[in-house]
């Protein structure tokens, strides 16, 4: 089965958690990919609970590429899905691929648009790599996604907080400690 990397799975670097935890679940549980989640070490349990087979912490790992190769028999991943808005994730993505691998660009980096630092013609041709963008799926894919949710394959990670806890929720987000989503209860 193919190795797929979900790069910066949660809220680590200005990323959108509503995109990535379901992406891990769809990929691992729905399609059967072998998923490697890469994120801050505080997110390890949630990423593994979402279906990732392995987890690599960005904090404390000297070389993500070496860590990925160790987990994939020395080859690298078949695909890297970049859901973050952080340029650094894109810059690292190509280094994680095996021959014939593909980077799937989902998140759009904030600020000035920059090229992906690890990309050059030599590596693209030499390793037969592909870089593709994916903003939305097809109608068929949307129906499949709803079916996965209906079967319980994909679950939303969330908690409910009262409005008076809003400041602490934002503090968690700022410290990269927020896991999943927070629903603010506006009732008395």
Protein backbone atom coordinates (compact mmCIF):
# COMPACT_ATOMS: atom_id res chain seq x y z
CA UNK A 1 0.00 0.00 0.00
CA UNK A 2 1.19 3.54 -0.72
CA UNK A 3 2.85 5.71 1.91
CA UNK A 4 1.18 9.13 2.24
CA UNK A 5 2.47 11.96 4.41
CA UNK A 6 0.19 14.52 5.98
CA UNK A 7 2.60 17.37 6.54
CA UNK A 8 1.91 19.58 9.55
CA UNK A 9 -1.22 17.77 10.47
CA UNK A 10 -2.79 20.13 12.99
CA UNK A 11 -2.56 23.71 14.14
CA UNK A 12 1.24 23.72 14.28
CA UNK A 13 2.08 26.37 11.73
CA UNK A 14 -0.95 28.49 10.84
CA UNK A 15 -2.67 25.43 9.44
CA UNK A 16 -6.31 24.57 9.18
CA UNK A 17 -7.13 21.55 11.39
CA UNK A 18 -10.56 21.02 9.83
CA UNK A 19 -8.78 19.99 6.62
CA UNK A 20 -6.13 17.67 7.92
CA UNK A 21 -7.51 15.37 10.61
CA UNK A 22 -10.26 14.23 8.25
CA UNK A 23 -7.62 13.95 5.51
CA UNK A 24 -5.64 11.54 7.70
CA UNK A 25 -8.81 9.56 8.43
CA UNK A 26 -9.94 9.41 4.78
CA UNK A 27 -6.49 8.41 3.61
CA UNK A 28 -5.76 5.79 6.26
CA UNK A 29 -9.17 4.36 7.12
CA UNK A 30 -11.14 5.03 3.97
CA UNK A 31 -8.57 4.41 1.24
CA UNK A 32 -6.06 2.25 3.09
CA UNK A 33 -2.93 4.37 2.69
CA UNK A 34 -0.11 4.05 5.19
CA UNK A 35 -0.09 7.56 6.66
CA UNK A 36 2.83 9.31 8.35
CA UNK A 37 1.75 12.41 10.26
CA UNK A 38 4.30 15.17 10.75
CA UNK A 39 3.57 17.86 13.32
CA UNK A 40 4.47 19.24 16.76
CA UNK A 41 5.02 16.51 19.37
CA UNK A 42 2.00 17.68 21.40
CA UNK A 43 -0.27 16.44 18.58
CA UNK A 44 1.08 12.89 18.40
CA UNK A 45 -1.80 11.08 20.15
CA UNK A 46 -4.54 12.81 18.16
CA UNK A 47 -2.77 12.18 14.84
CA UNK A 48 -2.28 8.48 15.64
CA UNK A 49 -5.89 8.18 16.87
CA UNK A 50 -6.97 9.63 13.50
CA UNK A 51 -5.37 6.69 11.70
CA UNK A 52 -1.75 7.60 11.01
CA UNK A 53 0.54 4.59 11.21
CA UNK A 54 3.54 6.68 12.26
CA UNK A 55 4.18 10.14 13.66
CA UNK A 56 7.28 12.31 13.26
CA UNK A 57 7.59 15.36 15.53
CA UNK A 58 8.87 18.52 13.85
CA UNK A 59 10.32 19.56 17.20
CA UNK A 60 13.27 17.34 17.99
CA UNK A 61 13.72 15.71 14.57
CA UNK A 62 16.96 16.78 12.90
CA UNK A 63 16.04 15.56 9.42
CA UNK A 64 12.44 14.90 8.42
CA UNK A 65 13.66 13.37 5.15
CA UNK A 66 15.86 10.85 6.98
CA UNK A 67 13.03 10.01 9.41
CA UNK A 68 10.62 9.40 6.52
CA UNK A 69 13.15 7.25 4.67
CA UNK A 70 13.71 5.17 7.82
CA UNK A 71 9.97 4.47 8.01
CA UNK A 72 9.55 3.70 4.30
CA UNK A 73 12.37 1.24 3.73
CA UNK A 74 14.77 3.94 2.53
CA UNK A 75 12.54 5.13 -0.30
CA UNK A 76 10.40 8.08 0.84
CA UNK A 77 6.68 8.65 0.50
CA UNK A 78 4.52 8.12 -2.57
CA UNK A 79 2.73 11.40 -1.82
CA UNK A 80 2.97 14.38 0.50
CA UNK A 81 -0.27 16.27 1.11
CA UNK A 82 0.55 19.79 2.31
CA UNK A 83 -2.47 21.28 4.06
CA UNK A 84 -0.67 24.03 5.91
CA UNK A 85 -0.35 27.70 5.04
CA UNK A 86 3.32 27.65 6.07
CA UNK A 87 5.95 28.01 3.34
CA UNK A 88 8.41 25.84 5.27
CA UNK A 89 6.19 22.79 4.84
CA UNK A 90 6.23 23.25 1.08
CA UNK A 91 9.98 23.78 1.10
CA UNK A 92 10.46 20.44 2.88
CA UNK A 93 7.84 18.45 0.94
CA UNK A 94 9.87 17.41 -2.11
CA UNK A 95 12.65 16.03 0.11
CA UNK A 96 10.20 13.50 1.57
CA UNK A 97 9.27 11.86 -1.76
CA UNK A 98 10.43 8.64 -3.39
CA UNK A 99 11.02 8.17 -7.12
CA UNK A 100 7.76 8.99 -8.94
CA UNK A 101 6.31 10.75 -5.89
CA UNK A 102 3.79 13.57 -5.84
CA UNK A 103 3.32 16.71 -3.72
CA UNK A 104 -0.34 17.68 -3.40
CA UNK A 105 -0.71 21.38 -2.60
CA UNK A 106 -3.87 22.15 -0.60
CA UNK A 107 -2.93 24.97 1.79
CA UNK A 108 -2.01 28.34 0.31
CA UNK A 109 0.95 30.01 2.05
CA UNK A 110 0.25 33.42 3.53
CA UNK A 111 2.09 36.55 2.48
CA UNK A 112 4.18 36.90 -0.65
CA UNK A 113 4.07 33.90 -2.97
CA UNK A 114 7.45 32.15 -3.15
CA UNK A 115 8.67 29.14 -5.12
CA UNK A 116 9.13 25.83 -3.32
CA UNK A 117 12.75 25.96 -2.15
CA UNK A 118 13.57 22.26 -2.64
CA UNK A 119 12.35 22.18 -6.26
CA UNK A 120 14.67 22.33 -9.25
CA UNK A 121 14.60 20.79 -12.71
CA UNK A 122 17.27 18.22 -11.81
CA UNK A 123 15.36 16.69 -8.93
CA UNK A 124 12.01 16.87 -10.76
CA UNK A 125 13.35 15.03 -13.81
CA UNK A 126 15.79 12.76 -11.97
CA UNK A 127 13.16 11.44 -9.54
CA UNK A 128 10.17 11.79 -11.95
CA UNK A 129 8.27 13.89 -9.42
CA UNK A 130 4.93 15.68 -9.75
CA UNK A 131 3.53 18.73 -7.99
CA UNK A 132 -0.23 19.23 -8.23
CA UNK A 133 -2.74 21.60 -6.71
CA UNK A 134 -6.09 20.55 -5.29
CA UNK A 135 -8.58 23.15 -4.10
CA UNK A 136 -11.81 21.15 -4.28
CA UNK A 137 -12.90 17.64 -5.04
CA UNK A 138 -15.40 16.32 -7.51
CA UNK A 139 -19.07 15.63 -6.80
CA UNK A 140 -18.25 11.91 -6.68
CA UNK A 141 -15.51 12.54 -4.10
CA UNK A 142 -17.90 14.63 -1.99
CA UNK A 143 -20.44 11.79 -1.99
CA UNK A 144 -17.71 9.31 -1.00
CA UNK A 145 -16.62 11.64 1.82
CA UNK A 146 -20.18 11.84 3.18
CA UNK A 147 -20.44 8.04 2.98
CA UNK A 148 -17.20 7.69 5.00
CA UNK A 149 -18.66 10.00 7.67
CA UNK A 150 -21.98 8.13 7.69
CA UNK A 151 -20.11 4.84 8.24
CA UNK A 152 -18.12 6.37 11.12
CA UNK A 153 -14.78 6.19 9.32
CA UNK A 154 -14.26 9.94 9.73
CA UNK A 155 -14.99 11.67 13.03
CA UNK A 156 -14.66 15.30 14.02
CA UNK A 157 -12.46 16.07 17.02
CA UNK A 158 -14.05 18.92 18.95
CA UNK A 159 -14.99 20.25 22.35
CA UNK A 160 -17.58 22.80 23.49
CA UNK A 161 -16.61 25.88 25.52
CA UNK A 162 -18.64 28.77 26.90
CA UNK A 163 -18.09 32.27 25.52
CA UNK A 164 -16.21 33.33 28.66
CA UNK A 165 -13.46 30.81 27.71
CA UNK A 166 -12.86 32.41 24.30
CA UNK A 167 -9.66 34.16 25.41
CA UNK A 168 -8.16 30.90 26.69
CA UNK A 169 -9.12 29.16 23.43
CA UNK A 170 -7.23 31.82 21.46
CA UNK A 171 -4.27 31.43 23.83
CA UNK A 172 -4.25 27.67 23.11
CA UNK A 173 -4.27 28.43 19.39
CA UNK A 174 -1.41 30.90 19.78
CA UNK A 175 0.66 28.34 21.73
CA UNK A 176 -0.06 25.62 19.12
CA UNK A 177 -1.83 23.53 21.79
CA UNK A 178 -5.35 23.43 20.36
CA UNK A 179 -6.35 19.90 19.36
CA UNK A 180 -9.19 19.63 16.88
CA UNK A 181 -11.96 22.24 16.85
CA UNK A 182 -13.74 24.31 19.48
CA UNK A 183 -17.43 25.14 19.33
CA UNK A 184 -18.36 28.26 21.31
CA UNK A 185 -21.64 27.85 23.21
CA UNK A 186 -23.44 31.22 23.21
CA UNK A 187 -26.32 30.10 25.46
CA UNK A 188 -26.63 31.28 29.06
